[in-house]
Amino acid sequence: MTVTSLLTEPGERLLARLPPFVAPAAVAAASIAATAYIAGVDPHEAGHYPTCPSLYLTGFYCPGCGSLRAIHDLAHLDLAGAWGMNPLAVLVLPWLAWRWIRWVLALRGVRTTTRPAPGWAIYTLLGAVVVYTIARNIPVLMPYLAP
């Protein structure tokens, strides 16, 4: 028996004994708790949350800058405000919810058609995130894309 097997086996046995719905339930509970906290503690007010490390270290907005404020605005049903803080987050959150629903359906035995994304789609998505990151740091576009 190796040291790594001593460290991983108990955790693997525990996970094997848990019902399959525990993981998506934990993700849902954590998401709801985080959203409730963000909805209650306004990230628009300075001092409630730490500064984005990317913004602090480089002075540039990262693709995630403004996501807390966008989630706060979405929790208060302010779609325009959320879009103004981080349009990428507004587009990604419904996709994450859709993936979570498909995960739950698959665990319930509902057959879902899942095909791996072609390589070009992944590179296109990564390229779009890079272009978005650069565009939100161009002074002319900052009124539209910066948080």
N, C-alpha and C. Protein backbone atom coordinates (compact mmCIF):
# COMPACT_ATOMS: atom_id res chain seq x y z
N MET A 1 0.85 -1.17 0.00
CA MET A 1 0.00 0.00 0.00
C MET A 1 0.90 1.23 0.00
N THR A 2 0.63 2.15 -0.91
CA THR A 2 1.45 3.36 -1.01
C THR A 2 0.80 4.50 -0.24
N VAL A 3 1.58 5.56 -0.08
CA VAL A 3 1.07 6.73 0.63
C VAL A 3 -0.11 7.34 -0.12
N THR A 4 -0.02 7.40 -1.44
CA THR A 4 -1.13 7.99 -2.20
C THR A 4 -2.40 7.16 -2.08
N SER A 5 -2.26 5.84 -2.03
CA SER A 5 -3.47 5.02 -1.88
C SER A 5 -4.08 5.21 -0.50
N LEU A 6 -3.24 5.44 0.50
CA LEU A 6 -3.78 5.71 1.83
C LEU A 6 -4.56 7.03 1.85
N LEU A 7 -4.10 7.98 1.07
CA LEU A 7 -4.75 9.28 1.06
C LEU A 7 -6.01 9.30 0.20
N THR A 8 -6.04 8.52 -0.88
CA THR A 8 -7.17 8.60 -1.80
C THR A 8 -8.24 7.55 -1.54
N GLU A 9 -7.88 6.39 -1.05
CA GLU A 9 -8.87 5.33 -0.90
C GLU A 9 -10.04 5.68 0.01
N PRO A 10 -9.84 6.26 1.20
CA PRO A 10 -11.00 6.59 2.03
C PRO A 10 -11.95 7.57 1.34
N GLY A 11 -11.40 8.57 0.66
CA GLY A 11 -12.24 9.53 -0.06
C GLY A 11 -13.00 8.87 -1.19
N GLU A 12 -12.33 7.98 -1.91
CA GLU A 12 -12.99 7.28 -3.01
C GLU A 12 -14.09 6.37 -2.49
N ARG A 13 -13.84 5.71 -1.37
CA ARG A 13 -14.88 4.85 -0.79
C ARG A 13 -16.08 5.67 -0.35
N LEU A 14 -15.82 6.84 0.24
CA LEU A 14 -16.91 7.70 0.68
C LEU A 14 -17.74 8.16 -0.52
N LEU A 15 -17.07 8.59 -1.58
CA LEU A 15 -17.79 9.04 -2.77
C LEU A 15 -18.58 7.90 -3.40
N ALA A 16 -18.04 6.69 -3.36
CA ALA A 16 -18.74 5.55 -3.95
C ALA A 16 -20.00 5.22 -3.16
N ARG A 17 -20.02 5.50 -1.86
CA ARG A 17 -21.19 5.19 -1.03
C ARG A 17 -22.28 6.25 -1.12
N LEU A 18 -21.94 7.44 -1.57
CA LEU A 18 -22.94 8.50 -1.63
C LEU A 18 -23.88 8.29 -2.82
N PRO A 19 -25.15 8.66 -2.67
CA PRO A 19 -26.06 8.58 -3.81
C PRO A 19 -25.59 9.53 -4.92
N PRO A 20 -25.89 9.21 -6.16
CA PRO A 20 -25.37 10.02 -7.27
C PRO A 20 -25.88 11.45 -7.31
N PHE A 21 -27.03 11.72 -6.68
CA PHE A 21 -27.58 13.08 -6.74
C PHE A 21 -26.90 14.04 -5.77
N VAL A 22 -26.01 13.54 -4.93
CA VAL A 22 -25.38 14.40 -3.92
C VAL A 22 -24.52 15.49 -4.58
N ALA A 23 -23.76 15.13 -5.60
CA ALA A 23 -22.87 16.12 -6.24
C ALA A 23 -23.66 17.27 -6.87
N PRO A 24 -24.67 17.01 -7.72
CA PRO A 24 -25.41 18.15 -8.26
C PRO A 24 -26.19 18.91 -7.19
N ALA A 25 -26.65 18.22 -6.15
CA ALA A 25 -27.33 18.91 -5.05
C ALA A 25 -26.36 19.84 -4.32
N ALA A 26 -25.13 19.39 -4.13
CA ALA A 26 -24.12 20.22 -3.48
C ALA A 26 -23.78 21.44 -4.33
N VAL A 27 -23.67 21.23 -5.64
CA VAL A 27 -23.40 22.36 -6.55
C VAL A 27 -24.56 23.35 -6.50
N ALA A 28 -25.78 22.85 -6.52
CA ALA A 28 -26.95 23.74 -6.47
C ALA A 28 -27.00 24.50 -5.14
N ALA A 29 -26.75 23.80 -4.03
CA ALA A 29 -26.78 24.45 -2.72
C ALA A 29 -25.70 25.52 -2.61
N ALA A 30 -24.50 25.21 -3.09
CA ALA A 30 -23.41 26.20 -3.04
C ALA A 30 -23.73 27.40 -3.93
N SER A 31 -24.31 27.14 -5.10
CA SER A 31 -24.66 28.24 -6.02
C SER A 31 -25.75 29.13 -5.42
N ILE A 32 -26.75 28.51 -4.81
CA ILE A 32 -27.83 29.28 -4.20
C ILE A 32 -27.30 30.09 -3.01
N ALA A 33 -26.47 29.47 -2.19
CA ALA A 33 -25.90 30.17 -1.03
C ALA A 33 -25.02 31.34 -1.48
N ALA A 34 -24.19 31.11 -2.48
CA ALA A 34 -23.31 32.18 -2.97
C ALA A 34 -24.13 33.31 -3.57
N THR A 35 -25.16 32.97 -4.35
CA THR A 35 -26.00 34.00 -4.96
C THR A 35 -26.75 34.78 -3.89
N ALA A 36 -27.24 34.10 -2.87
CA ALA A 36 -27.95 34.79 -1.78
C ALA A 36 -27.01 35.75 -1.05
N TYR A 37 -25.77 35.31 -0.82
CA TYR A 37 -24.80 36.18 -0.16
C TYR A 37 -24.49 37.40 -1.03
N ILE A 38 -24.23 37.16 -2.32
CA ILE A 38 -23.91 38.26 -3.23
C ILE A 38 -25.10 39.20 -3.38
N ALA A 39 -26.31 38.66 -3.35
CA ALA A 39 -27.51 39.50 -3.44
C ALA A 39 -27.66 40.37 -2.20
N GLY A 40 -27.24 39.85 -1.06
CA GLY A 40 -27.39 40.59 0.20
C GLY A 40 -26.26 41.55 0.49
N VAL A 41 -25.06 41.26 0.02
CA VAL A 41 -23.90 42.11 0.28
C VAL A 41 -23.50 42.74 -1.06
N ASP A 42 -23.86 43.99 -1.23
CA ASP A 42 -23.73 44.68 -2.52
C ASP A 42 -22.28 44.85 -2.95
N PRO A 43 -21.87 44.21 -4.05
CA PRO A 43 -20.50 44.39 -4.54
C PRO A 43 -20.27 45.75 -5.20
N HIS A 44 -21.34 46.52 -5.43
CA HIS A 44 -21.18 47.86 -5.99
C HIS A 44 -20.56 48.82 -4.96
N GLU A 45 -20.69 48.48 -3.67
CA GLU A 45 -20.12 49.31 -2.61
C GLU A 45 -18.69 48.85 -2.34
N ALA A 46 -17.78 49.79 -2.30
CA ALA A 46 -16.37 49.46 -2.08
C ALA A 46 -16.15 48.86 -0.69
N GLY A 47 -15.23 47.91 -0.63
CA GLY A 47 -14.83 47.34 0.64
C GLY A 47 -15.51 46.03 1.02
N HIS A 48 -16.56 45.64 0.31
CA HIS A 48 -17.24 44.40 0.66
C HIS A 48 -16.52 43.17 0.13
N TYR A 49 -15.87 43.29 -1.00
CA TYR A 49 -15.18 42.17 -1.63
C TYR A 49 -13.77 42.63 -2.00
N PRO A 50 -12.83 41.70 -2.08
CA PRO A 50 -11.47 42.10 -2.50
C PRO A 50 -11.45 42.50 -3.98
N THR A 51 -10.45 43.28 -4.32
CA THR A 51 -10.27 43.69 -5.71
C THR A 51 -9.84 42.49 -6.54
N CYS A 52 -10.24 42.46 -7.79
CA CYS A 52 -9.82 41.39 -8.71
C CYS A 52 -8.29 41.36 -8.75
N PRO A 53 -7.68 40.18 -8.54
CA PRO A 53 -6.21 40.11 -8.56
C PRO A 53 -5.61 40.58 -9.88
N SER A 54 -6.26 40.28 -10.99
CA SER A 54 -5.76 40.71 -12.29
C SER A 54 -5.77 42.23 -12.39
N LEU A 55 -6.85 42.84 -11.98
CA LEU A 55 -6.95 44.30 -12.02
C LEU A 55 -5.95 44.93 -11.06
N TYR A 56 -5.80 44.34 -9.90
CA TYR A 56 -4.88 44.87 -8.89
C TYR A 56 -3.43 44.79 -9.35
N LEU A 57 -3.05 43.65 -9.94
CA LEU A 57 -1.65 43.44 -10.33
C LEU A 57 -1.28 44.09 -11.66
N THR A 58 -2.20 44.09 -12.62
CA THR A 58 -1.86 44.58 -13.96
C THR A 58 -2.54 45.89 -14.34
N GLY A 59 -3.65 46.20 -13.68
CA GLY A 59 -4.41 47.38 -14.05
C GLY A 59 -5.37 47.14 -15.20
N PHE A 60 -5.44 45.89 -15.67
CA PHE A 60 -6.34 45.55 -16.78
C PHE A 60 -7.51 44.72 -16.28
N TYR A 61 -8.66 44.89 -16.93
CA TYR A 61 -9.84 44.09 -16.59
C TYR A 61 -9.68 42.70 -17.18
N CYS A 62 -9.98 41.68 -16.39
CA CYS A 62 -9.97 40.30 -16.88
C CYS A 62 -11.38 39.97 -17.39
N PRO A 63 -11.58 38.81 -18.01
CA PRO A 63 -12.93 38.47 -18.49
C PRO A 63 -13.95 38.34 -17.36
N GLY A 64 -13.49 38.09 -16.14
CA GLY A 64 -14.41 37.91 -15.03
C GLY A 64 -14.69 39.17 -14.24
N CYS A 65 -13.94 40.25 -14.49
CA CYS A 65 -14.15 41.49 -13.74
C CYS A 65 -15.60 41.96 -13.91
N GLY A 66 -16.24 42.24 -12.80
CA GLY A 66 -17.62 42.69 -12.82
C GLY A 66 -18.63 41.56 -12.67
N SER A 67 -18.15 40.32 -12.58
CA SER A 67 -19.08 39.18 -12.48
C SER A 67 -19.88 39.20 -11.18
N LEU A 68 -19.24 39.57 -10.06
CA LEU A 68 -19.99 39.64 -8.80
C LEU A 68 -21.09 40.68 -8.90
N ARG A 69 -20.78 41.82 -9.48
CA ARG A 69 -21.79 42.87 -9.63
C ARG A 69 -22.88 42.42 -10.60
N ALA A 70 -22.50 41.68 -11.65
CA ALA A 70 -23.49 41.17 -12.60
C ALA A 70 -24.42 40.16 -11.91
N ILE A 71 -23.86 39.27 -11.09
CA ILE A 71 -24.69 38.30 -10.37
C ILE A 71 -25.61 39.02 -9.39
N HIS A 72 -25.08 40.04 -8.71
CA HIS A 72 -25.90 40.83 -7.79
C HIS A 72 -27.07 41.47 -8.54
N ASP A 73 -26.77 42.06 -9.69
CA ASP A 73 -27.83 42.70 -10.48
C ASP A 73 -28.85 41.68 -10.99
N LEU A 74 -28.38 40.52 -11.43
CA LEU A 74 -29.30 39.47 -11.88
C LEU A 74 -30.18 38.99 -10.73
N ALA A 75 -29.60 38.87 -9.54
CA ALA A 75 -30.39 38.44 -8.38
C ALA A 75 -31.48 39.45 -8.04
N HIS A 76 -31.26 40.70 -8.42
CA HIS A 76 -32.26 41.75 -8.21
C HIS A 76 -33.04 42.05 -9.49
N LEU A 77 -32.95 41.11 -10.46
CA LEU A 77 -33.70 41.18 -11.72
C LEU A 77 -33.39 42.43 -12.54
N ASP A 78 -32.16 42.89 -12.46
CA ASP A 78 -31.71 44.05 -13.24
C ASP A 78 -30.81 43.55 -14.37
N LEU A 79 -31.43 43.10 -15.46
CA LEU A 79 -30.67 42.52 -16.57
C LEU A 79 -29.78 43.57 -17.25
N ALA A 80 -30.28 44.78 -17.41
CA ALA A 80 -29.48 45.83 -18.04
C ALA A 80 -28.25 46.16 -17.20
N GLY A 81 -28.43 46.24 -15.89
CA GLY A 81 -27.30 46.50 -15.00
C GLY A 81 -26.28 45.38 -15.05
N ALA A 82 -26.77 44.13 -15.08
CA ALA A 82 -25.87 42.98 -15.15
C ALA A 82 -25.10 42.99 -16.46
N TRP A 83 -25.79 43.30 -17.56
CA TRP A 83 -25.13 43.36 -18.87
C TRP A 83 -24.05 44.44 -18.86
N GLY A 84 -24.32 45.55 -18.20
CA GLY A 84 -23.34 46.63 -18.12
C GLY A 84 -22.12 46.27 -17.30
N MET A 85 -22.27 45.37 -16.35
CA MET A 85 -21.14 44.97 -15.51
C MET A 85 -20.27 43.91 -16.19
N ASN A 86 -20.89 42.90 -16.80
CA ASN A 86 -20.12 41.85 -17.47
C ASN A 86 -21.04 41.08 -18.43
N PRO A 87 -21.05 41.48 -19.70
CA PRO A 87 -21.90 40.78 -20.67
C PRO A 87 -21.55 39.30 -20.81
N LEU A 88 -20.28 38.97 -20.68
CA LEU A 88 -19.87 37.56 -20.80
C LEU A 88 -20.49 36.72 -19.70
N ALA A 89 -20.52 37.22 -18.48
CA ALA A 89 -21.13 36.48 -17.37
C ALA A 89 -22.62 36.28 -17.61
N VAL A 90 -23.27 37.30 -18.14
CA VAL A 90 -24.71 37.19 -18.42
C VAL A 90 -24.98 36.10 -19.45
N LEU A 91 -24.06 35.93 -20.40
CA LEU A 91 -24.23 34.88 -21.41
C LEU A 91 -23.83 33.50 -20.89
N VAL A 92 -22.85 33.43 -20.00
CA VAL A 92 -22.34 32.14 -19.52
C VAL A 92 -23.25 31.53 -18.46
N LEU A 93 -23.87 32.33 -17.61
CA LEU A 93 -24.68 31.78 -16.52
C LEU A 93 -25.84 30.90 -17.00
N PRO A 94 -26.60 31.28 -18.03
CA PRO A 94 -27.64 30.37 -18.52
C PRO A 94 -27.06 29.06 -19.07
N TRP A 95 -25.91 29.14 -19.70
CA TRP A 95 -25.26 27.92 -20.21
C TRP A 95 -24.89 27.00 -19.05
N LEU A 96 -24.36 27.56 -17.96
CA LEU A 96 -24.02 26.75 -16.79
C LEU A 96 -25.27 26.09 -16.20
N ALA A 97 -26.37 26.84 -16.13
CA ALA A 97 -27.62 26.27 -15.63
C ALA A 97 -28.10 25.14 -16.53
N TRP A 98 -27.99 25.32 -17.84
CA TRP A 98 -28.38 24.28 -18.80
C TRP A 98 -27.53 23.02 -18.61
N ARG A 99 -26.22 23.19 -18.41
CA ARG A 99 -25.34 22.04 -18.19
C ARG A 99 -25.70 21.33 -16.89
N TRP A 100 -26.06 22.08 -15.85
CA TRP A 100 -26.45 21.47 -14.58
C TRP A 100 -27.73 20.66 -14.77
N ILE A 101 -28.70 21.19 -15.49
CA ILE A 101 -29.95 20.47 -15.75
C ILE A 101 -29.67 19.18 -16.51
N ARG A 102 -28.80 19.23 -17.51
CA ARG A 102 -28.45 18.02 -18.27
C ARG A 102 -27.76 17.00 -17.36
N TRP A 103 -26.95 17.46 -16.43
CA TRP A 103 -26.28 16.58 -15.47
C TRP A 103 -27.32 15.84 -14.62
N VAL A 104 -28.29 16.59 -14.11
CA VAL A 104 -29.34 15.98 -13.28
C VAL A 104 -30.17 15.00 -14.11
N LEU A 105 -30.53 15.39 -15.33
CA LEU A 105 -31.32 14.49 -16.18
C LEU A 105 -30.55 13.21 -16.48
N ALA A 106 -29.26 13.31 -16.74
CA ALA A 106 -28.45 12.12 -17.02
C ALA A 106 -28.42 11.20 -15.80
N LEU A 107 -28.35 11.78 -14.60
CA LEU A 107 -28.35 10.95 -13.39
C LEU A 107 -29.70 10.27 -13.17
N ARG A 108 -30.76 10.88 -13.67
CA ARG A 108 -32.09 10.28 -13.55
C ARG A 108 -32.38 9.27 -14.64
N GLY A 109 -31.43 9.10 -15.54
CA GLY A 109 -31.59 8.11 -16.60
C GLY A 109 -32.18 8.65 -17.87
N VAL A 110 -32.42 9.95 -17.92
CA VAL A 110 -32.94 10.56 -19.14
C VAL A 110 -31.80 10.64 -20.15
N ARG A 111 -32.05 10.13 -21.31
CA ARG A 111 -31.00 10.11 -22.32
C ARG A 111 -30.87 11.50 -22.96
N THR A 112 -29.68 12.03 -22.90
CA THR A 112 -29.41 13.32 -23.52
C THR A 112 -28.35 13.12 -24.59
N THR A 113 -28.52 13.82 -25.68
CA THR A 113 -27.53 13.70 -26.75
C THR A 113 -26.37 14.63 -26.45
N THR A 114 -25.23 14.06 -26.26
CA THR A 114 -24.04 14.84 -25.98
C THR A 114 -22.96 14.44 -26.96
N ARG A 115 -22.53 15.42 -27.70
CA ARG A 115 -21.41 15.20 -28.61
C ARG A 115 -20.28 16.11 -28.18
N PRO A 116 -19.06 15.62 -28.25
CA PRO A 116 -17.95 16.51 -27.89
C PRO A 116 -17.86 17.66 -28.88
N ALA A 117 -17.48 18.81 -28.36
CA ALA A 117 -17.35 19.98 -29.23
C ALA A 117 -16.17 19.78 -30.16
N PRO A 118 -16.33 20.17 -31.42
CA PRO A 118 -15.19 20.07 -32.34
C PRO A 118 -14.09 21.04 -31.91
N GLY A 119 -12.88 20.71 -32.30
CA GLY A 119 -11.73 21.53 -31.92
C GLY A 119 -11.87 22.98 -32.31
N TRP A 120 -12.41 23.24 -33.50
CA TRP A 120 -12.54 24.63 -33.95
C TRP A 120 -13.47 25.42 -33.04
N ALA A 121 -14.49 24.77 -32.48
CA ALA A 121 -15.43 25.48 -31.60
C ALA A 121 -14.75 25.89 -30.30
N ILE A 122 -13.92 25.01 -29.78
CA ILE A 122 -13.21 25.33 -28.54
C ILE A 122 -12.24 26.49 -28.77
N TYR A 123 -11.50 26.43 -29.89
CA TYR A 123 -10.56 27.51 -30.20
C TYR A 123 -11.29 28.82 -30.49
N THR A 124 -12.45 28.74 -31.12
CA THR A 124 -13.24 29.94 -31.38
C THR A 124 -13.71 30.56 -30.07
N LEU A 125 -14.17 29.73 -29.14
CA LEU A 125 -14.60 30.22 -27.84
C LEU A 125 -13.45 30.88 -27.09
N LEU A 126 -12.30 30.21 -27.06
CA LEU A 126 -11.13 30.79 -26.39
C LEU A 126 -10.71 32.09 -27.06
N GLY A 127 -10.75 32.12 -28.38
CA GLY A 127 -10.42 33.34 -29.11
C GLY A 127 -11.38 34.47 -28.79
N ALA A 128 -12.66 34.15 -28.67
CA ALA A 128 -13.67 35.16 -28.33
C ALA A 128 -13.42 35.74 -26.95
N VAL A 129 -13.03 34.89 -26.00
CA VAL A 129 -12.73 35.38 -24.64
C VAL A 129 -11.50 36.29 -24.67
N VAL A 130 -10.50 35.93 -25.45
CA VAL A 130 -9.30 36.78 -25.57
C VAL A 130 -9.67 38.12 -26.20
N VAL A 131 -10.45 38.09 -27.28
CA VAL A 131 -10.88 39.33 -27.94
C VAL A 131 -11.71 40.18 -26.98
N TYR A 132 -12.60 39.56 -26.22
CA TYR A 132 -13.42 40.27 -25.23
C TYR A 132 -12.52 40.92 -24.17
N THR A 133 -11.52 40.19 -23.71
CA THR A 133 -10.60 40.73 -22.70
C THR A 133 -9.85 41.94 -23.24
N ILE A 134 -9.36 41.84 -24.45
CA ILE A 134 -8.63 42.96 -25.05
C ILE A 134 -9.58 44.14 -25.29
N ALA A 135 -10.76 43.86 -25.83
CA ALA A 135 -11.71 44.92 -26.17
C ALA A 135 -12.16 45.69 -24.94
N ARG A 136 -12.35 45.01 -23.81
CA ARG A 136 -12.83 45.73 -22.63
C ARG A 136 -11.76 46.59 -21.99
N ASN A 137 -10.52 46.49 -22.47
CA ASN A 137 -9.44 47.33 -21.97
C ASN A 137 -9.02 48.41 -22.96
N ILE A 138 -9.70 48.52 -24.09
CA ILE A 138 -9.44 49.60 -25.05
C ILE A 138 -10.25 50.82 -24.61
N PRO A 139 -9.58 51.96 -24.41
CA PRO A 139 -10.28 53.13 -23.86
C PRO A 139 -11.56 53.53 -24.59
N VAL A 140 -11.60 53.42 -25.91
CA VAL A 140 -12.80 53.80 -26.66
C VAL A 140 -13.98 52.88 -26.33
N LEU A 141 -13.71 51.61 -26.04
CA LEU A 141 -14.77 50.64 -25.77
C LEU A 141 -15.10 50.50 -24.29
N MET A 142 -14.30 51.10 -23.42
CA MET A 142 -14.53 50.95 -21.98
C MET A 142 -15.92 51.36 -21.52
N PRO A 143 -16.51 52.42 -22.07
CA PRO A 143 -17.87 52.75 -21.62
C PRO A 143 -18.88 51.63 -21.88
N TYR A 144 -18.59 50.75 -22.83
CA TYR A 144 -19.52 49.68 -23.19
C TYR A 144 -19.17 48.33 -22.56
N LEU A 145 -17.88 48.07 -22.33
CA LEU A 145 -17.47 46.73 -21.89
C LEU A 145 -16.82 46.68 -20.51
N ALA A 146 -16.31 47.80 -20.02
CA ALA A 146 -15.66 47.78 -18.70
C ALA A 146 -16.72 47.77 -17.61
N PRO A 147 -16.43 47.10 -16.50
CA PRO A 147 -17.42 47.06 -15.41
C PRO A 147 -17.60 48.42 -14.74
